[in-house]
Amino acid sequence: MLIRSFPEPDVPTDLLAQVRDLQREAWPGHDFPAPDGGGPAHDPALAPRSMLLLDEGTVVAALDVLSKTLTHAGHRFRAAGLSTVVTRKAARGRGHGRRLVGAARAAIADAGFDVALFTCDRPLQGFYESAGWSAIPGAVLVGGTPQAPFPSDRPGFDKVTMGDFPSAHGRAHRLSFHHARVELHPGEIDRLW
């Protein structure tokens, strides 16, 4: 097994077609762009980077890392987060997703980000914790835009905010994220990464 990483626009078409198939399998009804010129799945302003776990050319698991500068509690942070984490249905339960999610955590740290934040459905909290991520107590990510916010604690959602603080700057301000509303505002395409 091999992990490959690409800026989203540079994912080879054959691999991207497999990723789109996995995404449609996991989230039926969601309108993912076609791999052959259908456009990006994420806002280019978030510098999307795709990470793929490959087994002899077959995509076993995939995710995207999105990033932006975040201002929180009066401080600026280089922030990243996970999006569209998916494992091939036939390969689930073998640790492939955990391996990729753990590799993404290491890649975010290696790239010099201050904080890594994302939400997951509550039943997936243990999965992410097993890959080194931590739940951020009481944190709510506010997605969307300032004019059209999309908070992770909206009615009908059962989300947990997960994260990591890889830089000294991030670790020094870690507690400011606890029990806080974090104005992420990634935009209209990636309303909540």
Protein backbone atom coordinates (compact mmCIF):
# COMPACT_ATOMS: atom_id res chain seq x y z
CA MET A 1 0.00 0.00 0.00
CA LEU A 2 1.17 3.48 -0.89
CA ILE A 3 -0.05 6.95 0.10
CA ARG A 4 0.07 9.59 -2.62
CA SER A 5 -0.71 13.27 -2.20
CA PHE A 6 -1.64 15.79 -4.89
CA PRO A 7 -3.02 19.31 -5.14
CA GLU A 8 -6.66 18.62 -6.06
CA PRO A 9 -6.30 19.87 -9.68
CA ASP A 10 -3.34 17.51 -10.24
CA VAL A 11 -4.95 14.20 -9.22
CA PRO A 12 -4.57 11.88 -12.25
CA THR A 13 -7.92 11.39 -14.00
CA ASP A 14 -7.96 7.61 -13.54
CA LEU A 15 -7.44 7.96 -9.78
CA LEU A 16 -9.90 10.83 -9.52
CA ALA A 17 -12.57 8.72 -11.26
CA GLN A 18 -12.10 6.06 -8.55
CA VAL A 19 -12.29 8.68 -5.80
CA ARG A 20 -15.55 10.06 -7.21
CA ASP A 21 -16.99 6.53 -7.34
CA LEU A 22 -16.09 6.01 -3.66
CA GLN A 23 -17.59 9.38 -2.72
CA ARG A 24 -20.83 8.65 -4.56
CA GLU A 25 -20.97 5.25 -2.86
CA ALA A 26 -20.54 6.87 0.58
CA TRP A 27 -22.80 9.89 -0.02
CA PRO A 28 -25.44 8.94 -2.60
CA GLY A 29 -27.31 11.91 -3.95
CA HIS A 30 -24.43 14.35 -3.42
CA ASP A 31 -23.41 16.02 -6.67
CA PHE A 32 -19.65 15.46 -7.00
CA PRO A 33 -18.06 16.91 -10.16
CA ALA A 34 -17.06 14.59 -12.98
CA PRO A 35 -13.36 13.64 -12.99
CA ASP A 36 -12.86 14.71 -16.62
CA GLY A 37 -13.23 18.47 -16.44
CA GLY A 38 -16.21 18.72 -14.10
CA GLY A 39 -14.35 21.18 -11.90
CA PRO A 40 -13.02 20.97 -8.37
CA ALA A 41 -14.97 19.42 -5.51
CA HIS A 42 -13.64 22.10 -3.16
CA ASP A 43 -13.14 25.86 -3.25
CA PRO A 44 -9.69 26.48 -4.80
CA ALA A 45 -9.16 29.28 -2.23
CA LEU A 46 -8.87 26.52 0.42
CA ALA A 47 -5.83 25.00 -1.38
CA PRO A 48 -7.37 21.49 -1.44
CA ARG A 49 -4.86 18.66 -1.29
CA SER A 50 -6.00 15.09 -1.98
CA MET A 51 -4.44 12.15 -0.16
CA LEU A 52 -5.02 8.66 -1.55
CA LEU A 53 -4.20 5.23 -0.16
CA LEU A 54 -3.45 3.01 -3.15
CA ASP A 55 -3.18 -0.74 -3.51
CA GLU A 56 -1.55 -1.42 -6.89
CA GLY A 57 -3.40 1.43 -8.59
CA THR A 58 -6.71 0.92 -6.79
CA VAL A 59 -7.87 3.72 -4.50
CA VAL A 60 -8.66 2.05 -1.17
CA ALA A 61 -9.22 5.26 0.84
CA ALA A 62 -9.18 8.98 0.10
CA LEU A 63 -9.50 12.33 1.85
CA ASP A 64 -8.90 15.98 1.17
CA VAL A 65 -7.04 18.48 3.34
CA LEU A 66 -8.38 22.04 3.15
CA SER A 67 -6.65 25.08 4.61
CA LYS A 68 -6.96 28.78 5.31
CA THR A 69 -5.86 31.46 7.75
CA LEU A 70 -8.17 31.58 10.75
CA THR A 71 -8.58 34.35 13.30
CA HIS A 72 -9.75 33.14 16.69
CA ALA A 73 -9.69 34.81 20.12
CA GLY A 74 -7.61 37.66 18.70
CA HIS A 75 -4.91 35.44 17.16
CA ARG A 76 -4.21 34.30 13.61
CA PHE A 77 -3.58 30.63 12.88
CA ARG A 78 -2.63 28.64 9.81
CA ALA A 79 -5.50 26.15 9.91
CA ALA A 80 -6.21 22.92 8.05
CA GLY A 81 -8.93 20.31 8.24
CA LEU A 82 -10.06 17.01 6.79
CA SER A 83 -12.87 16.69 4.28
CA THR A 84 -14.52 13.89 2.30
CA VAL A 85 -12.82 11.04 4.19
CA VAL A 86 -13.89 7.79 2.55
CA THR A 87 -12.83 4.12 2.44
CA ARG A 88 -13.87 1.64 -0.22
CA LYS A 89 -16.83 -0.29 1.20
CA ALA A 90 -15.28 -3.70 0.45
CA ALA A 91 -12.06 -2.71 2.28
CA ARG A 92 -13.55 -1.26 5.47
CA GLY A 93 -12.62 -2.62 8.89
CA ARG A 94 -8.98 -3.33 7.94
CA GLY A 95 -7.37 -0.11 9.23
CA HIS A 96 -6.96 1.55 5.82
CA GLY A 97 -8.95 4.67 6.72
CA ARG A 98 -7.16 4.94 10.07
CA ARG A 99 -3.79 4.74 8.32
CA LEU A 100 -4.74 7.51 5.86
CA VAL A 101 -6.29 9.77 8.53
CA GLY A 102 -3.17 9.33 10.68
CA ALA A 103 -0.94 10.16 7.70
CA ALA A 104 -2.99 13.30 7.06
CA ARG A 105 -2.46 14.39 10.68
CA ALA A 106 1.31 13.95 10.23
CA ALA A 107 1.28 15.78 6.87
CA ILE A 108 -0.58 18.73 8.40
CA ALA A 109 2.02 18.93 11.19
CA ASP A 110 4.90 18.62 8.71
CA ALA A 111 3.44 21.43 6.59
CA GLY A 112 3.68 23.81 9.57
CA PHE A 113 0.01 24.36 10.31
CA ASP A 114 -0.85 25.77 13.73
CA VAL A 115 -4.21 24.06 14.16
CA ALA A 116 -6.16 21.29 12.48
CA LEU A 117 -9.93 21.31 12.96
CA PHE A 118 -12.82 19.44 11.43
CA THR A 119 -16.15 17.94 12.41
CA CYS A 120 -17.29 14.35 12.25
CA ASP A 121 -20.48 12.51 13.06
CA ARG A 122 -20.45 11.60 16.76
CA PRO A 123 -20.25 7.81 16.10
CA LEU A 124 -16.93 8.37 14.24
CA GLN A 125 -15.19 10.12 17.14
CA GLY A 126 -13.47 6.91 18.32
CA PHE A 127 -12.21 6.18 14.80
CA TYR A 128 -10.49 9.56 14.57
CA GLU A 129 -9.15 9.29 18.12
CA SER A 130 -7.60 5.93 17.21
CA ALA A 131 -5.63 7.78 14.50
CA GLY A 132 -4.26 10.39 16.93
CA TRP A 133 -6.90 13.13 16.69
CA SER A 134 -8.57 14.58 19.80
CA ALA A 135 -12.08 15.82 20.45
CA ILE A 136 -12.09 19.53 21.30
CA PRO A 137 -14.47 19.85 24.26
CA GLY A 138 -17.51 21.97 23.51
CA ALA A 139 -16.07 23.47 20.31
CA VAL A 140 -18.46 24.43 17.52
CA LEU A 141 -17.17 25.16 14.03
CA VAL A 142 -19.09 27.91 12.27
CA GLY A 143 -18.88 27.30 8.56
CA GLY A 144 -20.45 29.01 5.58
CA THR A 145 -19.81 32.73 5.42
CA PRO A 146 -20.25 35.55 7.95
CA GLN A 147 -23.41 36.55 6.04
CA ALA A 148 -24.73 32.95 5.86
CA PRO A 149 -23.22 31.01 8.80
CA PHE A 150 -23.44 27.21 8.91
CA PRO A 151 -22.67 26.06 12.48
CA SER A 152 -21.85 22.49 13.41
CA ASP A 153 -24.37 22.62 16.28
CA ARG A 154 -27.34 23.36 14.05
CA PRO A 155 -30.55 21.40 14.70
CA GLY A 156 -30.44 17.88 13.31
CA PHE A 157 -26.64 17.68 13.40
CA ASP A 158 -24.81 15.44 15.85
CA LYS A 159 -21.25 16.57 15.23
CA VAL A 160 -18.06 16.49 17.26
CA THR A 161 -15.19 18.89 16.58
CA MET A 162 -11.91 17.04 16.26
CA GLY A 163 -8.50 18.61 16.14
CA ASP A 164 -4.79 18.78 16.68
CA PHE A 165 -2.42 21.61 17.59
CA PRO A 166 0.91 20.79 15.92
CA SER A 167 2.75 24.12 16.28
CA ALA A 168 3.95 25.87 19.43
CA HIS A 169 1.63 28.79 18.55
CA GLY A 170 -1.32 26.41 18.25
CA ARG A 171 -0.50 24.60 21.49
CA ALA A 172 -0.13 27.90 23.37
CA HIS A 173 -3.71 28.81 22.44
CA ARG A 174 -5.28 25.33 22.53
CA LEU A 175 -7.57 26.09 25.48
CA SER A 176 -9.08 29.08 23.66
CA PHE A 177 -10.74 26.58 21.31
CA HIS A 178 -12.42 24.65 24.14
CA HIS A 179 -16.12 25.50 24.56
CA ALA A 180 -15.80 28.14 21.84
CA ARG A 181 -17.55 29.00 18.61
CA VAL A 182 -14.77 28.96 16.03
CA GLU A 183 -15.58 31.15 13.02
CA LEU A 184 -14.04 29.02 10.28
CA HIS A 185 -16.15 30.40 7.41
CA PRO A 186 -14.71 28.33 4.53
CA GLY A 187 -17.32 29.71 2.09
CA GLU A 188 -20.34 28.49 0.17
CA ILE A 189 -18.79 25.47 -1.58
CA ASP A 190 -17.23 23.88 1.50
CA ARG A 191 -19.77 25.14 3.97
CA LEU A 192 -18.28 23.01 6.75
CA TRP A 193 -15.11 21.11 6.07
